[in-house]
Amino acid sequence: MDISLSNYSKKTPATAKFIGDVMLFSAPLISAAIMAAPFDEPLKSWLLFGFNLVLVVGKIITKFFGEEDTDITAPTQ
């Protein structure tokens, strides 16, 4: 698995896709948990900002992972 800007249009490896999807889908759950926590409002705001930023950027980064070319074909004669 390699990371590069040229991998954006390539198929994302299953492991990276799974990790990115978990990050994206966990954002609302974590946001709800933070909102229900007994913290001061400024702290809640910063926690929401920080967690959502990390999770969404993490999902975006996983889009740039690509599978290495391991296509083995028989030489033609």
N, C-alpha and C. Protein backbone atom coordinates (compact mmCIF):
# COMPACT_ATOMS: atom_id res chain seq x y z
N MET A 1 0.86 -1.16 0.00
CA MET A 1 0.00 0.00 0.00
C MET A 1 0.91 1.23 0.00
N ASP A 2 0.68 2.12 -0.92
CA ASP A 2 1.46 3.35 -0.96
C ASP A 2 0.52 4.55 -0.99
N ILE A 3 1.03 5.70 -0.56
CA ILE A 3 0.22 6.91 -0.51
C ILE A 3 0.80 7.94 -1.47
N SER A 4 -0.07 8.49 -2.32
CA SER A 4 0.36 9.46 -3.31
C SER A 4 -0.86 10.19 -3.84
N LEU A 5 -0.65 11.42 -4.31
CA LEU A 5 -1.75 12.18 -4.89
C LEU A 5 -2.28 11.52 -6.16
N SER A 6 -1.42 10.79 -6.86
CA SER A 6 -1.86 10.13 -8.09
C SER A 6 -2.78 8.95 -7.83
N ASN A 7 -2.92 8.54 -6.58
CA ASN A 7 -3.78 7.40 -6.24
C ASN A 7 -5.25 7.80 -6.08
N TYR A 8 -5.56 9.09 -6.18
CA TYR A 8 -6.92 9.54 -5.92
C TYR A 8 -7.95 8.84 -6.79
N SER A 9 -7.64 8.65 -8.05
CA SER A 9 -8.61 8.03 -8.96
C SER A 9 -8.49 6.51 -8.99
N LYS A 10 -7.52 5.95 -8.27
CA LYS A 10 -7.37 4.50 -8.23
C LYS A 10 -8.26 3.91 -7.14
N LYS A 11 -8.41 2.60 -7.20
CA LYS A 11 -9.20 1.90 -6.20
C LYS A 11 -8.46 1.92 -4.86
N THR A 12 -9.19 2.27 -3.81
CA THR A 12 -8.63 2.31 -2.46
C THR A 12 -8.57 0.89 -1.91
N PRO A 13 -7.44 0.49 -1.30
CA PRO A 13 -7.37 -0.84 -0.70
C PRO A 13 -8.44 -1.03 0.37
N ALA A 14 -8.88 -2.26 0.53
CA ALA A 14 -9.99 -2.55 1.44
C ALA A 14 -9.71 -2.10 2.87
N THR A 15 -8.50 -2.31 3.34
CA THR A 15 -8.17 -1.93 4.72
C THR A 15 -8.25 -0.42 4.92
N ALA A 16 -7.67 0.34 3.99
CA ALA A 16 -7.71 1.80 4.09
C ALA A 16 -9.14 2.32 3.96
N LYS A 17 -9.91 1.71 3.07
CA LYS A 17 -11.31 2.11 2.89
C LYS A 17 -12.10 1.86 4.17
N PHE A 18 -11.89 0.71 4.79
CA PHE A 18 -12.60 0.38 6.02
C PHE A 18 -12.25 1.38 7.13
N ILE A 19 -10.96 1.68 7.29
CA ILE A 19 -10.53 2.62 8.32
C ILE A 19 -11.14 4.00 8.07
N GLY A 20 -11.10 4.46 6.83
CA GLY A 20 -11.68 5.76 6.49
C GLY A 20 -13.17 5.81 6.72
N ASP A 21 -13.87 4.74 6.37
CA ASP A 21 -15.31 4.69 6.58
C ASP A 21 -15.66 4.70 8.06
N VAL A 22 -14.90 3.97 8.86
CA VAL A 22 -15.13 3.96 10.31
C VAL A 22 -14.93 5.36 10.88
N MET A 23 -13.89 6.05 10.40
CA MET A 23 -13.65 7.41 10.87
C MET A 23 -14.82 8.32 10.51
N LEU A 24 -15.29 8.22 9.28
CA LEU A 24 -16.38 9.09 8.83
C LEU A 24 -17.69 8.79 9.55
N PHE A 25 -18.00 7.51 9.71
CA PHE A 25 -19.27 7.14 10.34
C PHE A 25 -19.25 7.33 11.86
N SER A 26 -18.06 7.37 12.46
CA SER A 26 -17.99 7.56 13.91
C SER A 26 -18.09 9.03 14.30
N ALA A 27 -17.93 9.94 13.35
CA ALA A 27 -17.98 11.37 13.66
C ALA A 27 -19.30 11.78 14.33
N PRO A 28 -20.47 11.40 13.80
CA PRO A 28 -21.71 11.80 14.49
C PRO A 28 -21.86 11.17 15.88
N LEU A 29 -21.40 9.94 16.02
CA LEU A 29 -21.50 9.27 17.32
C LEU A 29 -20.63 9.98 18.36
N ILE A 30 -19.40 10.30 17.98
CA ILE A 30 -18.51 10.99 18.90
C ILE A 30 -19.02 12.40 19.19
N SER A 31 -19.56 13.06 18.17
CA SER A 31 -20.11 14.40 18.38
C SER A 31 -21.27 14.37 19.37
N ALA A 32 -22.14 13.40 19.25
CA ALA A 32 -23.27 13.27 20.18
C ALA A 32 -22.78 12.99 21.59
N ALA A 33 -21.77 12.15 21.71
CA ALA A 33 -21.22 11.83 23.04
C ALA A 33 -20.60 13.06 23.68
N ILE A 34 -19.91 13.86 22.88
CA ILE A 34 -19.30 15.09 23.42
C ILE A 34 -20.38 16.07 23.85
N MET A 35 -21.44 16.20 23.05
CA MET A 35 -22.52 17.14 23.41
C MET A 35 -23.23 16.72 24.70
N ALA A 36 -23.28 15.43 24.97
CA ALA A 36 -23.96 14.95 26.17
C ALA A 36 -23.03 14.94 27.39
N ALA A 37 -21.75 15.13 27.17
CA ALA A 37 -20.78 15.10 28.28
C ALA A 37 -20.93 16.33 29.17
N PRO A 38 -20.61 16.18 30.44
CA PRO A 38 -20.76 17.31 31.38
C PRO A 38 -19.56 18.25 31.37
N PHE A 39 -19.24 18.80 30.21
CA PHE A 39 -18.13 19.74 30.07
C PHE A 39 -18.68 21.14 29.89
N ASP A 40 -17.82 22.13 30.10
CA ASP A 40 -18.20 23.51 29.81
C ASP A 40 -18.38 23.68 28.31
N GLU A 41 -19.21 24.63 27.92
CA GLU A 41 -19.50 24.84 26.49
C GLU A 41 -18.27 25.15 25.64
N PRO A 42 -17.35 26.00 26.11
CA PRO A 42 -16.16 26.23 25.27
C PRO A 42 -15.34 24.95 25.03
N LEU A 43 -15.21 24.12 26.07
CA LEU A 43 -14.48 22.86 25.92
C LEU A 43 -15.20 21.93 24.95
N LYS A 44 -16.52 21.85 25.04
CA LYS A 44 -17.28 21.03 24.10
C LYS A 44 -17.06 21.48 22.66
N SER A 45 -17.06 22.80 22.46
CA SER A 45 -16.85 23.33 21.11
C SER A 45 -15.49 22.95 20.57
N TRP A 46 -14.45 23.08 21.39
CA TRP A 46 -13.12 22.72 20.94
C TRP A 46 -12.98 21.22 20.70
N LEU A 47 -13.59 20.41 21.56
CA LEU A 47 -13.54 18.96 21.36
C LEU A 47 -14.26 18.56 20.08
N LEU A 48 -15.42 19.15 19.85
CA LEU A 48 -16.16 18.86 18.60
C LEU A 48 -15.33 19.24 17.38
N PHE A 49 -14.75 20.43 17.42
CA PHE A 49 -13.93 20.88 16.31
C PHE A 49 -12.74 19.94 16.08
N GLY A 50 -12.03 19.62 17.14
CA GLY A 50 -10.84 18.77 17.03
C GLY A 50 -11.15 17.37 16.53
N PHE A 51 -12.13 16.71 17.16
CA PHE A 51 -12.47 15.35 16.75
C PHE A 51 -12.99 15.30 15.32
N ASN A 52 -13.88 16.20 14.97
CA ASN A 52 -14.42 16.19 13.61
C ASN A 52 -13.34 16.49 12.58
N LEU A 53 -12.45 17.41 12.89
CA LEU A 53 -11.36 17.72 11.97
C LEU A 53 -10.47 16.50 11.75
N VAL A 54 -10.08 15.85 12.82
CA VAL A 54 -9.21 14.66 12.70
C VAL A 54 -9.90 13.54 11.94
N LEU A 55 -11.16 13.29 12.24
CA LEU A 55 -11.86 12.18 11.60
C LEU A 55 -12.11 12.43 10.11
N VAL A 56 -12.51 13.63 9.76
CA VAL A 56 -12.79 13.92 8.35
C VAL A 56 -11.50 13.99 7.55
N VAL A 57 -10.46 14.61 8.09
CA VAL A 57 -9.17 14.65 7.38
C VAL A 57 -8.61 13.23 7.26
N GLY A 58 -8.80 12.41 8.27
CA GLY A 58 -8.37 11.01 8.18
C GLY A 58 -9.06 10.27 7.05
N LYS A 59 -10.34 10.50 6.88
CA LYS A 59 -11.08 9.88 5.78
C LYS A 59 -10.55 10.38 4.44
N ILE A 60 -10.28 11.66 4.33
CA ILE A 60 -9.75 12.22 3.08
C ILE A 60 -8.39 11.61 2.76
N ILE A 61 -7.54 11.47 3.76
CA ILE A 61 -6.20 10.92 3.53
C ILE A 61 -6.27 9.48 3.04
N THR A 62 -7.22 8.70 3.56
CA THR A 62 -7.30 7.30 3.11
C THR A 62 -7.67 7.20 1.64
N LYS A 63 -8.25 8.24 1.07
CA LYS A 63 -8.57 8.24 -0.36
C LYS A 63 -7.31 8.25 -1.22
N PHE A 64 -6.19 8.69 -0.67
CA PHE A 64 -4.95 8.78 -1.43
C PHE A 64 -4.08 7.53 -1.30
N PHE A 65 -4.60 6.49 -0.65
CA PHE A 65 -3.89 5.22 -0.61
C PHE A 65 -4.23 4.44 -1.86
N GLY A 66 -3.26 3.76 -2.40
CA GLY A 66 -3.50 2.94 -3.59
C GLY A 66 -2.81 1.60 -3.44
N GLU A 67 -3.31 0.65 -4.18
CA GLU A 67 -2.68 -0.66 -4.15
C GLU A 67 -1.47 -0.66 -5.05
N GLU A 68 -0.42 -1.36 -4.60
CA GLU A 68 0.76 -1.46 -5.44
C GLU A 68 0.45 -2.34 -6.63
N ASP A 69 1.07 -2.01 -7.75
CA ASP A 69 0.87 -2.81 -8.96
C ASP A 69 1.60 -4.13 -8.82
N THR A 70 0.84 -5.18 -8.61
CA THR A 70 1.43 -6.52 -8.49
C THR A 70 0.88 -7.43 -9.57
N ASP A 71 0.57 -6.84 -10.70
CA ASP A 71 0.02 -7.60 -11.81
C ASP A 71 1.14 -8.41 -12.44
N ILE A 72 1.10 -9.71 -12.23
CA ILE A 72 2.11 -10.60 -12.80
C ILE A 72 1.51 -11.29 -14.01
N THR A 73 2.07 -11.03 -15.13
CA THR A 73 1.60 -11.66 -16.37
C THR A 73 2.75 -12.38 -17.03
N ALA A 74 2.42 -13.38 -17.79
CA ALA A 74 3.44 -14.14 -18.51
C ALA A 74 3.97 -13.30 -19.66
N PRO A 75 5.27 -13.31 -19.88
CA PRO A 75 5.81 -12.54 -21.01
C PRO A 75 5.33 -13.10 -22.34
N THR A 76 5.08 -12.21 -23.25
CA THR A 76 4.64 -12.64 -24.57
C THR A 76 5.83 -12.81 -25.47
N GLN A 77 5.72 -13.74 -26.40
CA GLN A 77 6.84 -13.99 -27.32
C GLN A 77 6.50 -13.66 -28.72
